[in-house]
């Protein structure tokens, strides 16, 4: 039932995240009608999405920064974080890079947004709307001041190799694919140079 409901949603062009959520709801209703006890969808699927940014940081060699995040069950992610009240998405991206990596990025460009569900997030689960950016970092990784609260490990890696990492978070994979498929990116009203 769940697979059929999911495929029906996808056939109508519904994005994967929404299709999965609708399929779970449809399957839950169907199972209830047949009188079978079942687990309700996890609470995080009912929550309002949290607004975040993610920034694909590119070094001079064209490699992308990924950090191993305890918040995401030890998966490799792109840096980023929650939008603060009154803050623009661009300023959020700039602030998050400074907080998490201790550096400034330049040539910041918007890639696209996407919705994702992270059941593993902080062991509670969450739903996010993520504004994805790409930015350049000129310097050595030794100049970075990595926040140990954010990352237990980190690396710069070729983006195509990163896609093959066994512990890469699906949303980091998506951001890298957005970057690889649209090297031009969508420029902001004016490129941010720091």
N, C-alpha and C. Protein backbone atom coordinates (compact mmCIF):
# COMPACT_ATOMS: atom_id res chain seq x y z
N UNK A 1 0.82 -1.20 0.00
CA UNK A 1 0.00 0.00 0.00
C UNK A 1 0.86 1.26 0.00
N UNK A 2 1.86 1.28 0.87
CA UNK A 2 2.72 2.45 0.99
C UNK A 2 3.46 2.71 -0.32
N UNK A 3 4.04 1.66 -0.91
CA UNK A 3 4.78 1.82 -2.17
C UNK A 3 3.86 2.29 -3.29
N UNK A 4 2.67 1.74 -3.36
CA UNK A 4 1.72 2.14 -4.40
C UNK A 4 1.32 3.60 -4.26
N UNK A 5 1.07 4.03 -3.04
CA UNK A 5 0.69 5.43 -2.79
C UNK A 5 1.85 6.36 -3.15
N UNK A 6 3.07 5.94 -2.81
CA UNK A 6 4.24 6.74 -3.13
C UNK A 6 4.41 6.87 -4.64
N UNK A 7 4.34 5.76 -5.35
CA UNK A 7 4.52 5.78 -6.80
C UNK A 7 3.43 6.59 -7.50
N UNK A 8 2.21 6.52 -6.99
CA UNK A 8 1.12 7.31 -7.57
C UNK A 8 1.40 8.80 -7.42
N UNK A 9 1.92 9.20 -6.27
CA UNK A 9 2.26 10.61 -6.04
C UNK A 9 3.39 11.05 -6.97
N UNK A 10 4.42 10.21 -7.09
CA UNK A 10 5.57 10.54 -7.94
C UNK A 10 5.15 10.64 -9.41
N UNK A 11 4.22 9.78 -9.85
CA UNK A 11 3.75 9.81 -11.24
C UNK A 11 3.06 11.14 -11.56
N UNK A 12 2.52 11.78 -10.53
CA UNK A 12 1.86 13.07 -10.72
C UNK A 12 2.84 14.23 -10.59
N UNK A 13 4.13 13.92 -10.45
CA UNK A 13 5.15 14.97 -10.39
C UNK A 13 5.36 15.57 -9.01
N UNK A 14 4.83 14.93 -7.98
CA UNK A 14 4.99 15.43 -6.62
C UNK A 14 6.43 15.17 -6.17
N UNK A 15 7.13 16.18 -5.58
CA UNK A 15 8.50 15.97 -5.10
C UNK A 15 8.57 14.80 -4.12
N UNK A 16 9.71 14.12 -4.10
CA UNK A 16 9.89 12.91 -3.31
C UNK A 16 9.48 13.09 -1.86
N UNK A 17 9.94 14.19 -1.21
CA UNK A 17 9.66 14.38 0.21
C UNK A 17 8.16 14.47 0.48
N UNK A 18 7.45 15.23 -0.37
CA UNK A 18 6.01 15.36 -0.18
C UNK A 18 5.30 14.06 -0.54
N UNK A 19 5.78 13.37 -1.58
CA UNK A 19 5.17 12.11 -2.00
C UNK A 19 5.27 11.08 -0.88
N UNK A 20 6.42 11.02 -0.23
CA UNK A 20 6.60 10.07 0.87
C UNK A 20 5.67 10.39 2.03
N UNK A 21 5.59 11.67 2.37
CA UNK A 21 4.71 12.09 3.47
C UNK A 21 3.26 11.74 3.16
N UNK A 22 2.83 12.04 1.93
CA UNK A 22 1.44 11.74 1.54
C UNK A 22 1.20 10.24 1.51
N UNK A 23 2.18 9.46 1.05
CA UNK A 23 2.02 8.01 1.00
C UNK A 23 1.86 7.43 2.40
N UNK A 24 2.65 7.94 3.35
CA UNK A 24 2.54 7.47 4.74
C UNK A 24 1.16 7.79 5.29
N UNK A 25 0.68 9.01 5.03
CA UNK A 25 -0.66 9.39 5.51
C UNK A 25 -1.74 8.53 4.87
N UNK A 26 -1.62 8.30 3.55
CA UNK A 26 -2.60 7.48 2.85
C UNK A 26 -2.59 6.06 3.38
N UNK A 27 -1.40 5.50 3.55
CA UNK A 27 -1.29 4.13 4.07
C UNK A 27 -1.83 4.06 5.49
N UNK A 28 -1.57 5.08 6.31
CA UNK A 28 -2.07 5.10 7.68
C UNK A 28 -3.58 5.09 7.72
N UNK A 29 -4.21 5.89 6.86
CA UNK A 29 -5.68 5.93 6.80
C UNK A 29 -6.22 4.59 6.36
N UNK A 30 -5.60 3.99 5.33
CA UNK A 30 -6.07 2.71 4.81
C UNK A 30 -5.96 1.61 5.86
N UNK A 31 -4.83 1.58 6.58
CA UNK A 31 -4.64 0.56 7.61
C UNK A 31 -5.65 0.76 8.73
N UNK A 32 -5.92 2.01 9.11
CA UNK A 32 -6.91 2.29 10.15
C UNK A 32 -8.28 1.78 9.74
N UNK A 33 -8.65 1.99 8.48
CA UNK A 33 -9.96 1.56 8.00
C UNK A 33 -10.11 0.05 8.06
N UNK A 34 -9.01 -0.68 7.94
CA UNK A 34 -9.07 -2.14 8.00
C UNK A 34 -8.98 -2.64 9.44
N UNK A 35 -8.87 -1.73 10.41
CA UNK A 35 -8.88 -2.11 11.82
C UNK A 35 -7.58 -2.68 12.33
N UNK A 36 -6.48 -2.39 11.68
CA UNK A 36 -5.19 -2.90 12.11
C UNK A 36 -4.47 -1.80 12.88
N UNK A 37 -4.00 -2.12 14.09
CA UNK A 37 -3.23 -1.14 14.84
C UNK A 37 -1.89 -0.91 14.15
N UNK A 38 -1.45 0.32 14.19
CA UNK A 38 -0.18 0.65 13.56
C UNK A 38 0.41 1.88 14.24
N UNK A 39 1.63 2.12 13.95
CA UNK A 39 2.30 3.30 14.50
C UNK A 39 1.92 4.51 13.68
N UNK A 40 1.65 5.61 14.35
CA UNK A 40 1.37 6.86 13.66
C UNK A 40 2.66 7.37 13.02
N UNK A 41 2.55 8.19 11.97
CA UNK A 41 3.76 8.78 11.40
C UNK A 41 4.51 9.53 12.51
N UNK A 42 5.82 9.53 12.41
CA UNK A 42 6.62 10.20 13.44
C UNK A 42 6.23 11.66 13.55
N UNK A 43 6.35 12.18 14.75
CA UNK A 43 5.96 13.56 15.01
C UNK A 43 6.65 14.57 14.10
N UNK A 44 7.91 14.30 13.71
CA UNK A 44 8.62 15.29 12.92
C UNK A 44 7.98 15.53 11.56
N UNK A 45 7.22 14.56 11.05
CA UNK A 45 6.58 14.77 9.74
C UNK A 45 5.43 15.75 9.86
N UNK A 46 4.95 15.98 11.07
CA UNK A 46 3.84 16.91 11.30
C UNK A 46 4.33 18.31 11.63
N UNK A 47 5.61 18.45 11.93
CA UNK A 47 6.16 19.74 12.32
C UNK A 47 6.25 20.69 11.14
N UNK A 48 6.22 21.98 11.46
CA UNK A 48 6.46 23.01 10.45
C UNK A 48 7.93 22.95 10.06
N UNK A 49 8.24 23.10 8.77
CA UNK A 49 9.65 23.03 8.36
C UNK A 49 10.48 24.16 8.98
N UNK A 50 11.71 23.82 9.33
CA UNK A 50 12.65 24.80 9.85
C UNK A 50 13.42 25.38 8.67
N UNK A 51 13.65 26.70 8.68
CA UNK A 51 14.36 27.37 7.60
C UNK A 51 15.86 27.35 7.89
N UNK A 52 16.63 26.81 6.95
CA UNK A 52 18.07 26.73 7.12
C UNK A 52 18.78 27.12 5.82
N UNK A 53 20.09 27.31 5.93
CA UNK A 53 20.93 27.48 4.75
C UNK A 53 21.99 26.39 4.77
N UNK A 54 22.50 26.04 3.60
CA UNK A 54 23.65 25.15 3.47
C UNK A 54 24.56 25.78 2.42
N UNK A 55 25.85 25.72 2.67
CA UNK A 55 26.81 26.38 1.79
C UNK A 55 27.85 25.36 1.35
N UNK A 56 27.95 25.16 0.06
CA UNK A 56 28.97 24.30 -0.50
C UNK A 56 30.22 25.17 -0.67
N UNK A 57 31.19 24.95 0.20
CA UNK A 57 32.42 25.75 0.20
C UNK A 57 33.43 25.07 -0.72
N UNK A 58 33.91 25.83 -1.72
CA UNK A 58 34.84 25.30 -2.72
C UNK A 58 36.22 25.94 -2.50
N UNK A 59 37.27 25.11 -2.46
CA UNK A 59 38.62 25.66 -2.31
C UNK A 59 39.26 25.93 -3.68
N UNK A 60 40.50 26.40 -3.68
CA UNK A 60 41.20 26.75 -4.93
C UNK A 60 41.39 25.56 -5.87
N UNK A 61 41.38 24.35 -5.33
CA UNK A 61 41.55 23.15 -6.15
C UNK A 61 40.22 22.62 -6.69
N UNK A 62 39.13 23.31 -6.37
CA UNK A 62 37.81 22.86 -6.83
C UNK A 62 37.19 21.78 -5.96
N UNK A 63 37.78 21.54 -4.79
CA UNK A 63 37.24 20.54 -3.87
C UNK A 63 36.17 21.17 -2.98
N UNK A 64 35.27 20.33 -2.49
CA UNK A 64 34.19 20.80 -1.62
C UNK A 64 34.49 20.42 -0.17
N UNK A 65 34.07 21.28 0.75
CA UNK A 65 34.22 21.02 2.17
C UNK A 65 33.03 20.19 2.64
N UNK A 66 33.32 19.12 3.37
CA UNK A 66 32.28 18.33 4.05
C UNK A 66 32.74 18.08 5.48
N UNK A 67 31.79 18.14 6.41
CA UNK A 67 32.08 17.87 7.81
C UNK A 67 31.24 16.72 8.31
N UNK A 68 31.81 15.91 9.19
CA UNK A 68 31.10 14.78 9.78
C UNK A 68 30.32 15.31 10.99
N UNK A 69 28.99 15.28 10.90
CA UNK A 69 28.16 15.96 11.89
C UNK A 69 27.51 15.02 12.90
N UNK A 70 27.78 15.25 14.20
CA UNK A 70 27.09 14.48 15.24
C UNK A 70 25.57 14.71 15.22
N UNK A 71 25.14 15.90 14.79
CA UNK A 71 23.70 16.22 14.75
C UNK A 71 22.97 15.37 13.72
N UNK A 72 23.71 14.93 12.70
CA UNK A 72 23.12 14.13 11.63
C UNK A 72 23.69 12.71 11.66
N UNK A 73 23.80 12.15 12.85
CA UNK A 73 24.19 10.76 13.05
C UNK A 73 25.54 10.41 12.42
N UNK A 74 26.48 11.37 12.46
CA UNK A 74 27.82 11.12 11.95
C UNK A 74 27.95 11.13 10.43
N UNK A 75 26.95 11.62 9.75
CA UNK A 75 27.00 11.70 8.28
C UNK A 75 27.78 12.94 7.85
N UNK A 76 28.32 12.90 6.63
CA UNK A 76 29.05 14.02 6.05
C UNK A 76 28.06 15.02 5.47
N UNK A 77 28.18 16.29 5.89
CA UNK A 77 27.25 17.33 5.44
C UNK A 77 28.02 18.57 4.99
N UNK A 78 27.31 19.45 4.28
CA UNK A 78 27.84 20.78 3.96
C UNK A 78 27.53 21.69 5.14
N UNK A 79 28.39 22.68 5.41
CA UNK A 79 28.11 23.58 6.53
C UNK A 79 26.85 24.41 6.30
N UNK A 80 26.26 24.85 7.39
CA UNK A 80 25.06 25.68 7.32
C UNK A 80 24.34 25.66 8.64
N UNK A 81 23.16 26.27 8.66
CA UNK A 81 22.42 26.30 9.90
C UNK A 81 21.14 27.10 9.81
N UNK A 82 20.53 27.29 10.96
CA UNK A 82 19.22 27.91 11.08
C UNK A 82 19.24 29.42 10.86
N UNK A 83 18.20 29.88 10.21
CA UNK A 83 17.96 31.30 9.99
C UNK A 83 17.53 31.93 11.30
N UNK A 84 18.16 33.03 11.67
CA UNK A 84 17.77 33.76 12.88
C UNK A 84 16.72 34.80 12.53
N UNK A 85 15.93 35.18 13.52
CA UNK A 85 14.85 36.14 13.30
C UNK A 85 15.39 37.44 12.69
N UNK A 86 14.75 37.88 11.61
CA UNK A 86 15.12 39.12 10.95
C UNK A 86 16.34 39.02 10.04
N UNK A 87 16.91 37.84 9.90
CA UNK A 87 18.13 37.64 9.12
C UNK A 87 17.78 37.21 7.69
N UNK A 88 18.53 37.70 6.72
CA UNK A 88 18.34 37.25 5.33
C UNK A 88 19.04 35.90 5.16
N UNK A 89 18.67 35.17 4.12
CA UNK A 89 19.31 33.89 3.86
C UNK A 89 20.79 34.07 3.51
N UNK A 90 21.11 35.14 2.79
CA UNK A 90 22.51 35.43 2.45
C UNK A 90 23.32 35.69 3.71
N UNK A 91 22.80 36.54 4.60
CA UNK A 91 23.52 36.83 5.85
C UNK A 91 23.63 35.60 6.73
N UNK A 92 22.61 34.76 6.71
CA UNK A 92 22.65 33.50 7.46
C UNK A 92 23.79 32.62 6.95
N UNK A 93 23.90 32.51 5.63
CA UNK A 93 24.95 31.69 5.03
C UNK A 93 26.34 32.21 5.43
N UNK A 94 26.53 33.51 5.33
CA UNK A 94 27.81 34.13 5.68
C UNK A 94 28.13 33.90 7.16
N UNK A 95 27.14 34.11 8.03
CA UNK A 95 27.34 33.93 9.48
C UNK A 95 27.67 32.48 9.81
N UNK A 96 26.94 31.54 9.22
CA UNK A 96 27.16 30.13 9.54
C UNK A 96 28.57 29.67 9.16
N UNK A 97 29.06 30.12 8.01
CA UNK A 97 30.43 29.75 7.61
C UNK A 97 31.44 30.32 8.59
N UNK A 98 31.23 31.55 9.00
CA UNK A 98 32.14 32.19 9.97
C UNK A 98 32.10 31.43 11.30
N UNK A 99 30.90 31.06 11.77
CA UNK A 99 30.77 30.35 13.04
C UNK A 99 31.34 28.93 12.98
N UNK A 100 31.07 28.22 11.90
CA UNK A 100 31.43 26.80 11.84
C UNK A 100 32.85 26.55 11.34
N UNK A 101 33.34 27.43 10.45
CA UNK A 101 34.65 27.20 9.85
C UNK A 101 35.67 28.28 10.21
N UNK A 102 35.20 29.40 10.75
CA UNK A 102 36.10 30.47 11.15
C UNK A 102 36.71 31.24 9.99
N UNK A 103 36.08 31.18 8.82
CA UNK A 103 36.60 31.89 7.64
C UNK A 103 35.47 32.63 6.93
N UNK A 104 35.86 33.48 6.00
CA UNK A 104 34.89 34.15 5.13
C UNK A 104 34.92 33.47 3.77
N UNK A 105 33.78 33.45 3.11
CA UNK A 105 33.72 32.96 1.74
C UNK A 105 33.47 34.16 0.82
N UNK A 106 33.82 34.02 -0.43
CA UNK A 106 33.55 35.08 -1.40
C UNK A 106 32.84 34.47 -2.61
N UNK A 107 32.37 35.31 -3.49
CA UNK A 107 31.64 34.88 -4.68
C UNK A 107 30.47 33.97 -4.32
N UNK A 108 29.76 34.33 -3.27
CA UNK A 108 28.62 33.54 -2.82
C UNK A 108 27.49 33.62 -3.84
N UNK A 109 27.01 32.46 -4.26
CA UNK A 109 25.92 32.40 -5.24
C UNK A 109 24.85 31.43 -4.78
N UNK A 110 23.62 31.74 -5.10
CA UNK A 110 22.47 30.90 -4.76
C UNK A 110 22.37 29.76 -5.77
N UNK A 111 22.15 28.53 -5.26
CA UNK A 111 21.93 27.38 -6.12
C UNK A 111 20.43 27.12 -6.30
N UNK A 112 19.77 26.72 -5.22
CA UNK A 112 18.33 26.46 -5.23
C UNK A 112 17.89 26.07 -3.83
N UNK A 113 16.59 25.92 -3.64
CA UNK A 113 16.06 25.45 -2.35
C UNK A 113 15.57 24.02 -2.51
N UNK A 114 15.49 23.33 -1.40
CA UNK A 114 14.84 22.02 -1.39
C UNK A 114 14.32 21.72 0.01
N UNK A 115 13.34 20.85 0.06
CA UNK A 115 12.78 20.40 1.33
C UNK A 115 13.35 19.03 1.62
N UNK A 116 13.74 18.78 2.87
CA UNK A 116 14.15 17.42 3.22
C UNK A 116 13.75 17.10 4.64
N UNK A 117 13.57 15.82 4.86
CA UNK A 117 13.21 15.31 6.18
C UNK A 117 14.42 14.54 6.70
N UNK A 118 14.81 14.84 7.94
CA UNK A 118 15.97 14.20 8.55
C UNK A 118 15.53 13.52 9.85
N UNK A 119 15.10 12.26 9.77
CA UNK A 119 14.63 11.58 10.98
C UNK A 119 15.71 11.42 12.04
N UNK A 120 16.99 11.47 11.63
CA UNK A 120 18.09 11.28 12.56
C UNK A 120 18.52 12.56 13.27
N UNK A 121 18.02 13.72 12.84
CA UNK A 121 18.51 15.00 13.35
C UNK A 121 18.33 15.10 14.86
N UNK A 122 19.45 15.21 15.56
CA UNK A 122 19.49 15.34 17.03
C UNK A 122 18.64 14.28 17.72
N UNK A 123 18.52 13.12 17.11
CA UNK A 123 17.72 12.00 17.63
C UNK A 123 16.24 12.32 17.81
N UNK A 124 15.77 13.44 17.23
CA UNK A 124 14.36 13.81 17.33
C UNK A 124 13.70 13.86 15.97
N UNK A 125 14.48 14.13 14.96
CA UNK A 125 13.95 14.29 13.62
C UNK A 125 13.50 15.72 13.37
N UNK A 126 13.54 16.12 12.11
CA UNK A 126 13.12 17.46 11.73
C UNK A 126 12.84 17.51 10.24
N UNK A 127 12.09 18.53 9.86
CA UNK A 127 11.80 18.81 8.46
C UNK A 127 12.40 20.19 8.17
N UNK A 128 13.12 20.29 7.05
CA UNK A 128 13.82 21.53 6.73
C UNK A 128 13.47 22.03 5.33
N UNK A 129 13.43 23.35 5.19
CA UNK A 129 13.50 23.98 3.87
C UNK A 129 14.88 24.62 3.84
N UNK A 130 15.69 24.15 2.89
CA UNK A 130 17.10 24.53 2.84
C UNK A 130 17.38 25.42 1.64
N UNK A 131 17.96 26.58 1.91
CA UNK A 131 18.43 27.50 0.87
C UNK A 131 19.90 27.17 0.65
N UNK A 132 20.24 26.69 -0.53
CA UNK A 132 21.58 26.20 -0.84
C UNK A 132 22.39 27.23 -1.61
N UNK A 133 23.62 27.43 -1.16
CA UNK A 133 24.54 28.38 -1.77
C UNK A 133 25.85 27.68 -2.09
N UNK A 134 26.63 28.31 -2.94
CA UNK A 134 28.00 27.88 -3.19
C UNK A 134 28.88 29.11 -3.01
N UNK A 135 30.04 28.92 -2.39
CA UNK A 135 30.96 30.03 -2.17
C UNK A 135 32.40 29.55 -2.24
N UNK A 136 33.29 30.46 -2.52
CA UNK A 136 34.71 30.16 -2.66
C UNK A 136 35.47 30.49 -1.37
N UNK A 137 36.45 29.65 -1.08
CA UNK A 137 37.35 29.86 0.05
C UNK A 137 38.77 29.87 -0.50
N UNK A 138 39.45 30.99 -0.35
CA UNK A 138 40.85 31.08 -0.76
C UNK A 138 41.70 30.99 0.49
N UNK A 139 42.47 29.98 0.59
CA UNK A 139 43.31 29.81 1.76
C UNK A 139 43.57 28.34 2.01
N UNK A 140 44.24 28.09 3.10
CA UNK A 140 44.57 26.72 3.47
C UNK A 140 43.61 26.24 4.54
N UNK A 141 43.34 24.95 4.52
CA UNK A 141 42.44 24.41 5.54
C UNK A 141 43.02 24.60 6.94
N UNK A 142 44.33 24.77 7.03
CA UNK A 142 44.95 25.01 8.35
C UNK A 142 44.55 26.38 8.91
N UNK A 143 44.05 27.28 8.04
CA UNK A 143 43.57 28.59 8.51
C UNK A 143 42.16 28.51 9.08
N UNK A 144 41.50 27.39 8.87
CA UNK A 144 40.13 27.24 9.36
C UNK A 144 40.14 26.94 10.84
N UNK A 145 39.11 27.42 11.52
CA UNK A 145 38.91 27.12 12.93
C UNK A 145 37.59 26.36 13.01
N UNK A 146 37.70 25.04 12.93
CA UNK A 146 36.51 24.18 12.84
C UNK A 146 35.90 24.01 14.23
N UNK A 147 34.59 24.22 14.31
CA UNK A 147 33.87 24.06 15.57
C UNK A 147 33.71 22.57 15.88
N UNK A 148 34.32 22.09 17.00
CA UNK A 148 34.18 20.67 17.36
C UNK A 148 32.74 20.29 17.71
N UNK A 149 31.93 21.27 18.09
CA UNK A 149 30.52 20.98 18.37
C UNK A 149 29.77 20.66 17.08
N UNK A 150 30.28 21.15 15.96
CA UNK A 150 29.62 20.95 14.67
C UNK A 150 30.14 19.72 13.93
N UNK A 151 31.47 19.50 13.98
CA UNK A 151 32.07 18.45 13.16
C UNK A 151 33.09 17.63 13.95
N UNK A 152 32.96 16.31 13.88
CA UNK A 152 33.95 15.44 14.51
C UNK A 152 35.13 15.19 13.57
N UNK A 153 34.94 15.46 12.29
CA UNK A 153 35.98 15.32 11.29
C UNK A 153 35.57 16.18 10.09
N UNK A 154 36.52 16.47 9.22
CA UNK A 154 36.18 17.24 8.01
C UNK A 154 37.20 16.95 6.92
N UNK A 155 36.84 17.30 5.70
CA UNK A 155 37.75 17.12 4.57
C UNK A 155 37.35 18.04 3.43
N UNK A 156 38.31 18.30 2.55
CA UNK A 156 38.04 18.87 1.24
C UNK A 156 38.20 17.70 0.28
N UNK A 157 37.24 17.52 -0.61
CA UNK A 157 37.24 16.37 -1.50
C UNK A 157 36.68 16.76 -2.86
N UNK A 158 37.16 16.08 -3.89
CA UNK A 158 36.61 16.29 -5.23
C UNK A 158 35.11 16.02 -5.18
N UNK A 159 34.28 16.91 -5.75
CA UNK A 159 32.83 16.74 -5.63
C UNK A 159 32.31 15.41 -6.19
N UNK A 160 32.91 14.93 -7.27
CA UNK A 160 32.45 13.64 -7.84
C UNK A 160 32.81 12.48 -6.92
N UNK A 161 33.96 12.56 -6.26
CA UNK A 161 34.34 11.53 -5.28
C UNK A 161 33.45 11.61 -4.05
N UNK A 162 33.09 12.83 -3.67
CA UNK A 162 32.22 13.01 -2.49
C UNK A 162 30.89 12.29 -2.67
N UNK A 163 30.38 12.29 -3.89
CA UNK A 163 29.09 11.63 -4.15
C UNK A 163 29.14 10.14 -3.87
N UNK A 164 30.35 9.56 -3.88
CA UNK A 164 30.52 8.12 -3.66
C UNK A 164 30.84 7.77 -2.21
N UNK A 165 30.96 8.78 -1.35
CA UNK A 165 31.27 8.51 0.06
C UNK A 165 30.12 7.71 0.69
N UNK A 166 30.43 6.65 1.42
CA UNK A 166 29.35 5.83 1.98
C UNK A 166 28.51 6.53 3.04
N UNK A 167 29.08 7.48 3.77
CA UNK A 167 28.35 8.14 4.85
C UNK A 167 27.96 9.57 4.52
N UNK A 168 27.82 9.89 3.24
CA UNK A 168 27.40 11.24 2.88
C UNK A 168 25.89 11.36 3.11
N UNK A 169 25.48 12.45 3.73
CA UNK A 169 24.05 12.67 3.98
C UNK A 169 23.36 12.95 2.65
N UNK A 170 22.15 12.44 2.45
CA UNK A 170 21.44 12.65 1.18
C UNK A 170 21.31 14.12 0.78
N UNK A 171 21.14 15.01 1.75
CA UNK A 171 21.00 16.41 1.37
C UNK A 171 22.33 17.01 0.90
N UNK A 172 23.45 16.56 1.47
CA UNK A 172 24.76 17.01 0.98
C UNK A 172 24.98 16.52 -0.45
N UNK A 173 24.57 15.30 -0.70
CA UNK A 173 24.66 14.76 -2.06
C UNK A 173 23.83 15.60 -3.02
N UNK A 174 22.63 15.99 -2.60
CA UNK A 174 21.77 16.83 -3.45
C UNK A 174 22.43 18.16 -3.77
N UNK A 175 23.01 18.79 -2.76
CA UNK A 175 23.64 20.10 -2.96
C UNK A 175 24.81 19.99 -3.94
N UNK A 176 25.60 18.95 -3.80
CA UNK A 176 26.72 18.75 -4.72
C UNK A 176 26.20 18.54 -6.14
N UNK A 177 25.14 17.76 -6.28
CA UNK A 177 24.56 17.55 -7.62
C UNK A 177 24.01 18.86 -8.20
N UNK A 178 23.37 19.69 -7.36
CA UNK A 178 22.90 20.99 -7.85
C UNK A 178 24.08 21.78 -8.41
N UNK A 179 25.19 21.76 -7.68
CA UNK A 179 26.38 22.50 -8.10
C UNK A 179 26.95 21.94 -9.40
N UNK A 180 27.11 20.62 -9.46
CA UNK A 180 27.70 20.00 -10.66
C UNK A 180 26.81 20.17 -11.89
N UNK A 181 25.50 20.16 -11.69
CA UNK A 181 24.57 20.27 -12.82
C UNK A 181 24.33 21.70 -13.25
N UNK A 182 24.76 22.66 -12.46
CA UNK A 182 24.54 24.07 -12.80
C UNK A 182 25.76 24.88 -12.40
N UNK A 183 26.87 24.66 -13.07
CA UNK A 183 28.12 25.33 -12.73
C UNK A 183 27.99 26.85 -12.77
N UNK A 184 27.07 27.36 -13.59
CA UNK A 184 26.87 28.80 -13.66
C UNK A 184 26.19 29.31 -12.40
N UNK A 185 25.34 28.51 -11.79
CA UNK A 185 24.54 28.87 -10.62
C UNK A 185 23.65 30.08 -10.94
N UNK A 186 22.84 30.45 -10.00
CA UNK A 186 21.99 31.62 -10.16
C UNK A 186 22.62 32.75 -9.36
N UNK A 187 23.12 33.79 -10.04
CA UNK A 187 23.77 34.86 -9.28
C UNK A 187 22.78 35.60 -8.39
N UNK A 188 23.26 36.06 -7.26
CA UNK A 188 22.45 36.92 -6.42
C UNK A 188 22.36 38.27 -7.11
N UNK A 189 21.55 39.18 -6.57
CA UNK A 189 21.45 40.51 -7.18
C UNK A 189 22.83 41.10 -7.40
N UNK A 190 23.70 40.89 -6.45
CA UNK A 190 25.11 41.19 -6.68
C UNK A 190 25.90 40.15 -5.91
N UNK A 191 26.99 39.72 -6.47
CA UNK A 191 27.80 38.70 -5.83
C UNK A 191 28.38 39.27 -4.54
N UNK A 192 28.38 38.47 -3.51
CA UNK A 192 28.90 38.88 -2.22
C UNK A 192 30.41 38.64 -2.23
N UNK A 193 31.18 39.65 -2.04
CA UNK A 193 32.63 39.51 -1.95
C UNK A 193 33.08 39.99 -0.59
N UNK A 194 33.73 39.14 0.13
CA UNK A 194 34.23 39.50 1.46
C UNK A 194 35.73 39.48 1.44
